[in-house]
């Protein structure tokens, strides 16, 4: 019975990197080589959500250590993000991330005729009259 649990633990430990990194990396490369934009959006959305999840884990690491099922919950959530049947990453991006960015003015809500900076960048780098950006 001990060998069974050792095998089960090894499979569980190995599943994380495969589900969270190996398959998404492979699928992202394949998506870049296809003509359709839908799969590109799915995988770019995945990497945005996964990056946010990783940063959140880094910040809350000491708290998450006290939750024994955290790794399993994370594995199931990431599987939902990754599996093509669900398109979870695109769903989360469209429902949460995009809406928050629009709400806070990080990107314009319509396509401007002339490129403009998001509001947050305008507050950091205000435009000065008579100083045009040089293109290289």
C-alpha atoms as a PDB file:
ATOM      1  CA  UNK A   1       0.000   0.000   0.000  1.00  0.00           C
ATOM      2  CA  UNK A   2       2.932   2.342   0.684  1.00  0.00           C
ATOM      3  CA  UNK A   3       4.147   2.026  -2.911  1.00  0.00           C
ATOM      4  CA  UNK A   4       0.664   2.938  -4.151  1.00  0.00           C
ATOM      5  CA  UNK A   5       0.632   6.163  -2.100  1.00  0.00           C
ATOM      6  CA  UNK A   6       4.145   6.973  -3.255  1.00  0.00           C
ATOM      7  CA  UNK A   7       3.068   6.543  -6.867  1.00  0.00           C
ATOM      8  CA  UNK A   8      -0.113   8.585  -6.295  1.00  0.00           C
ATOM      9  CA  UNK A   9       1.906  11.380  -4.656  1.00  0.00           C
ATOM     10  CA  UNK A  10       4.387  11.396  -7.538  1.00  0.00           C
ATOM     11  CA  UNK A  11       1.569  11.602 -10.098  1.00  0.00           C
ATOM     12  CA  UNK A  12      -0.088  14.422  -8.160  1.00  0.00           C
ATOM     13  CA  UNK A  13       3.197  16.330  -7.898  1.00  0.00           C
ATOM     14  CA  UNK A  14       4.013  15.807 -11.581  1.00  0.00           C
ATOM     15  CA  UNK A  15       0.533  16.783 -12.749  1.00  0.00           C
ATOM     16  CA  UNK A  16       1.014  20.398 -11.633  1.00  0.00           C
ATOM     17  CA  UNK A  17       3.910  21.298 -13.925  1.00  0.00           C
ATOM     18  CA  UNK A  18       2.367  19.392 -16.840  1.00  0.00           C
ATOM     19  CA  UNK A  19      -1.066  21.044 -16.491  1.00  0.00           C
ATOM     20  CA  UNK A  20       0.192  24.497 -15.507  1.00  0.00           C
ATOM     21  CA  UNK A  21       3.283  24.874 -17.698  1.00  0.00           C
ATOM     22  CA  UNK A  22       4.167  22.114 -20.177  1.00  0.00           C
ATOM     23  CA  UNK A  23       0.808  21.826 -21.954  1.00  0.00           C
ATOM     24  CA  UNK A  24       0.150  25.608 -21.985  1.00  0.00           C
ATOM     25  CA  UNK A  25       3.630  26.252 -23.412  1.00  0.00           C
ATOM     26  CA  UNK A  26       3.081  23.682 -26.155  1.00  0.00           C
ATOM     27  CA  UNK A  27      -0.432  24.944 -26.927  1.00  0.00           C
ATOM     28  CA  UNK A  28       0.785  28.562 -27.007  1.00  0.00           C
ATOM     29  CA  UNK A  29       3.458  27.748 -29.592  1.00  0.00           C
ATOM     30  CA  UNK A  30       0.924  25.838 -31.704  1.00  0.00           C
ATOM     31  CA  UNK A  31      -1.541  28.745 -31.422  1.00  0.00           C
ATOM     32  CA  UNK A  32       1.080  31.212 -32.639  1.00  0.00           C
ATOM     33  CA  UNK A  33       1.452  29.169 -35.823  1.00  0.00           C
ATOM     34  CA  UNK A  34      -2.256  28.991 -36.688  1.00  0.00           C
ATOM     35  CA  UNK A  35      -4.111  31.559 -38.770  1.00  0.00           C
ATOM     36  CA  UNK A  36      -6.989  31.991 -36.316  1.00  0.00           C
ATOM     37  CA  UNK A  37      -6.886  34.582 -33.544  1.00  0.00           C
ATOM     38  CA  UNK A  38      -9.219  32.703 -31.153  1.00  0.00           C
ATOM     39  CA  UNK A  39      -6.562  30.328 -29.831  1.00  0.00           C
ATOM     40  CA  UNK A  40      -4.073  33.195 -29.490  1.00  0.00           C
ATOM     41  CA  UNK A  41      -6.560  35.018 -27.256  1.00  0.00           C
ATOM     42  CA  UNK A  42      -7.165  31.880 -25.171  1.00  0.00           C
ATOM     43  CA  UNK A  43      -3.489  31.346 -24.455  1.00  0.00           C
ATOM     44  CA  UNK A  44      -2.631  34.991 -23.912  1.00  0.00           C
ATOM     45  CA  UNK A  45      -5.558  35.111 -21.476  1.00  0.00           C
ATOM     46  CA  UNK A  46      -4.199  31.991 -19.769  1.00  0.00           C
ATOM     47  CA  UNK A  47      -0.763  33.520 -19.218  1.00  0.00           C
ATOM     48  CA  UNK A  48      -2.311  36.717 -17.831  1.00  0.00           C
ATOM     49  CA  UNK A  49      -4.478  34.772 -15.354  1.00  0.00           C
ATOM     50  CA  UNK A  50      -1.658  32.363 -14.459  1.00  0.00           C
ATOM     51  CA  UNK A  51       0.720  35.285 -13.822  1.00  0.00           C
ATOM     52  CA  UNK A  52      -1.842  36.932 -11.567  1.00  0.00           C
ATOM     53  CA  UNK A  53      -2.391  33.629  -9.716  1.00  0.00           C
ATOM     54  CA  UNK A  54       1.363  33.185  -9.238  1.00  0.00           C
ATOM     55  CA  UNK A  55       1.805  36.734  -7.930  1.00  0.00           C
ATOM     56  CA  UNK A  56      -1.124  36.253  -5.556  1.00  0.00           C
ATOM     57  CA  UNK A  57       0.445  33.022  -4.302  1.00  0.00           C
ATOM     58  CA  UNK A  58       3.744  34.793  -3.660  1.00  0.00           C
ATOM     59  CA  UNK A  59       2.005  37.470  -1.613  1.00  0.00           C
ATOM     60  CA  UNK A  60      -0.231  35.053   0.326  1.00  0.00           C
ATOM     61  CA  UNK A  61       2.280  32.206   0.644  1.00  0.00           C
ATOM     62  CA  UNK A  62       2.357  32.136   4.446  1.00  0.00           C
ATOM     63  CA  UNK A  63      -1.449  31.974   4.585  1.00  0.00           C
ATOM     64  CA  UNK A  64      -1.792  29.368   1.809  1.00  0.00           C
ATOM     65  CA  UNK A  65       0.621  27.033   3.613  1.00  0.00           C
ATOM     66  CA  UNK A  66      -2.104  26.532   6.222  1.00  0.00           C
ATOM     67  CA  UNK A  67      -4.634  25.343   3.635  1.00  0.00           C
ATOM     68  CA  UNK A  68      -3.808  21.670   3.028  1.00  0.00           C
ATOM     69  CA  UNK A  69      -5.920  21.336  -0.123  1.00  0.00           C
ATOM     70  CA  UNK A  70      -4.646  24.535  -1.781  1.00  0.00           C
ATOM     71  CA  UNK A  71      -2.444  22.758  -4.311  1.00  0.00           C
ATOM     72  CA  UNK A  72      -5.294  20.446  -5.365  1.00  0.00           C
ATOM     73  CA  UNK A  73      -7.742  23.357  -5.652  1.00  0.00           C
ATOM     74  CA  UNK A  74      -5.209  25.302  -7.711  1.00  0.00           C
ATOM     75  CA  UNK A  75      -4.603  22.270  -9.944  1.00  0.00           C
ATOM     76  CA  UNK A  76      -8.338  21.855 -10.642  1.00  0.00           C
ATOM     77  CA  UNK A  77      -8.752  25.608 -11.275  1.00  0.00           C
ATOM     78  CA  UNK A  78      -5.799  25.710 -13.679  1.00  0.00           C
ATOM     79  CA  UNK A  79      -7.089  22.598 -15.454  1.00  0.00           C
ATOM     80  CA  UNK A  80     -10.376  24.470 -15.965  1.00  0.00           C
ATOM     81  CA  UNK A  81      -8.421  27.430 -17.369  1.00  0.00           C
ATOM     82  CA  UNK A  82      -6.410  25.186 -19.715  1.00  0.00           C
ATOM     83  CA  UNK A  83      -8.850  22.602 -21.052  1.00  0.00           C
ATOM     84  CA  UNK A  84     -10.141  23.597 -24.503  1.00  0.00           C
ATOM     85  CA  UNK A  85     -13.647  22.342 -23.683  1.00  0.00           C
ATOM     86  CA  UNK A  86     -14.101  25.129 -21.123  1.00  0.00           C
ATOM     87  CA  UNK A  87     -12.029  28.104 -22.384  1.00  0.00           C
ATOM     88  CA  UNK A  88     -11.803  29.133 -18.738  1.00  0.00           C
ATOM     89  CA  UNK A  89      -8.942  31.571 -19.199  1.00  0.00           C
ATOM     90  CA  UNK A  90     -10.759  33.522 -21.915  1.00  0.00           C
ATOM     91  CA  UNK A  91     -13.919  33.512 -19.774  1.00  0.00           C
ATOM     92  CA  UNK A  92     -12.099  34.927 -16.711  1.00  0.00           C
ATOM     93  CA  UNK A  93     -10.279  37.488 -18.836  1.00  0.00           C
ATOM     94  CA  UNK A  94     -13.441  38.707 -20.577  1.00  0.00           C
ATOM     95  CA  UNK A  95     -15.589  38.753 -17.430  1.00  0.00           C
ATOM     96  CA  UNK A  96     -13.114  40.072 -14.857  1.00  0.00           C
ATOM     97  CA  UNK A  97      -9.812  41.385 -16.159  1.00  0.00           C
ATOM     98  CA  UNK A  98     -11.085  43.310 -19.182  1.00  0.00           C
ATOM     99  CA  UNK A  99     -13.931  44.843 -17.176  1.00  0.00           C
ATOM    100  CA  UNK A 100     -11.571  45.998 -14.398  1.00  0.00           C
ATOM    101  CA  UNK A 101      -9.149  47.494 -16.901  1.00  0.00           C
ATOM    102  CA  UNK A 102     -12.002  49.358 -18.609  1.00  0.00           C
ATOM    103  CA  UNK A 103     -13.373  50.517 -15.263  1.00  0.00           C
ATOM    104  CA  UNK A 104     -10.021  51.963 -14.230  1.00  0.00           C
ATOM    105  CA  UNK A 105      -9.252  53.485 -17.635  1.00  0.00           C
ATOM    106  CA  UNK A 106      -6.179  51.391 -18.353  1.00  0.00           C
ATOM    107  CA  UNK A 107      -7.119  51.140 -22.020  1.00  0.00           C
ATOM    108  CA  UNK A 108      -9.585  53.120 -24.129  1.00  0.00           C
ATOM    109  CA  UNK A 109     -13.114  51.757 -24.556  1.00  0.00           C
ATOM    110  CA  UNK A 110     -13.150  52.566 -28.272  1.00  0.00           C
ATOM    111  CA  UNK A 111     -10.484  52.462 -30.924  1.00  0.00           C
ATOM    112  CA  UNK A 112      -9.091  55.995 -31.246  1.00  0.00           C
ATOM    113  CA  UNK A 113      -8.071  57.334 -34.633  1.00  0.00           C
ATOM    114  CA  UNK A 114      -4.781  58.505 -33.161  1.00  0.00           C
ATOM    115  CA  UNK A 115      -2.853  56.383 -30.627  1.00  0.00           C
ATOM    116  CA  UNK A 116      -3.347  57.655 -27.085  1.00  0.00           C
ATOM    117  CA  UNK A 117      -1.871  56.710 -23.766  1.00  0.00           C
ATOM    118  CA  UNK A 118      -4.060  55.113 -21.082  1.00  0.00           C
ATOM    119  CA  UNK A 119      -5.184  57.544 -18.336  1.00  0.00           C
ATOM    120  CA  UNK A 120      -2.748  56.119 -15.824  1.00  0.00           C
ATOM    121  CA  UNK A 121       0.191  56.785 -18.182  1.00  0.00           C
ATOM    122  CA  UNK A 122      -1.046  60.329 -18.868  1.00  0.00           C
ATOM    123  CA  UNK A 123      -0.870  61.067 -15.154  1.00  0.00           C
ATOM    124  CA  UNK A 124       2.704  59.744 -14.991  1.00  0.00           C
ATOM    125  CA  UNK A 125       3.943  61.157 -18.323  1.00  0.00           C
ATOM    126  CA  UNK A 126       1.862  64.243 -19.189  1.00  0.00           C
ATOM    127  CA  UNK A 127       1.977  65.466 -22.786  1.00  0.00           C
ATOM    128  CA  UNK A 128       3.823  68.741 -23.263  1.00  0.00           C
ATOM    129  CA  UNK A 129       2.799  71.045 -26.055  1.00  0.00           C
ATOM    130  CA  UNK A 130       5.394  71.326 -28.794  1.00  0.00           C
ATOM    131  CA  UNK A 131       7.149  68.092 -27.803  1.00  0.00           C
ATOM    132  CA  UNK A 132       6.264  65.323 -30.198  1.00  0.00           C
ATOM    133  CA  UNK A 133       7.492  61.777 -29.745  1.00  0.00           C
ATOM    134  CA  UNK A 134      10.235  60.777 -32.116  1.00  0.00           C
ATOM    135  CA  UNK A 135       9.713  57.559 -34.014  1.00  0.00           C
ATOM    136  CA  UNK A 136      12.709  55.393 -34.776  1.00  0.00           C
END
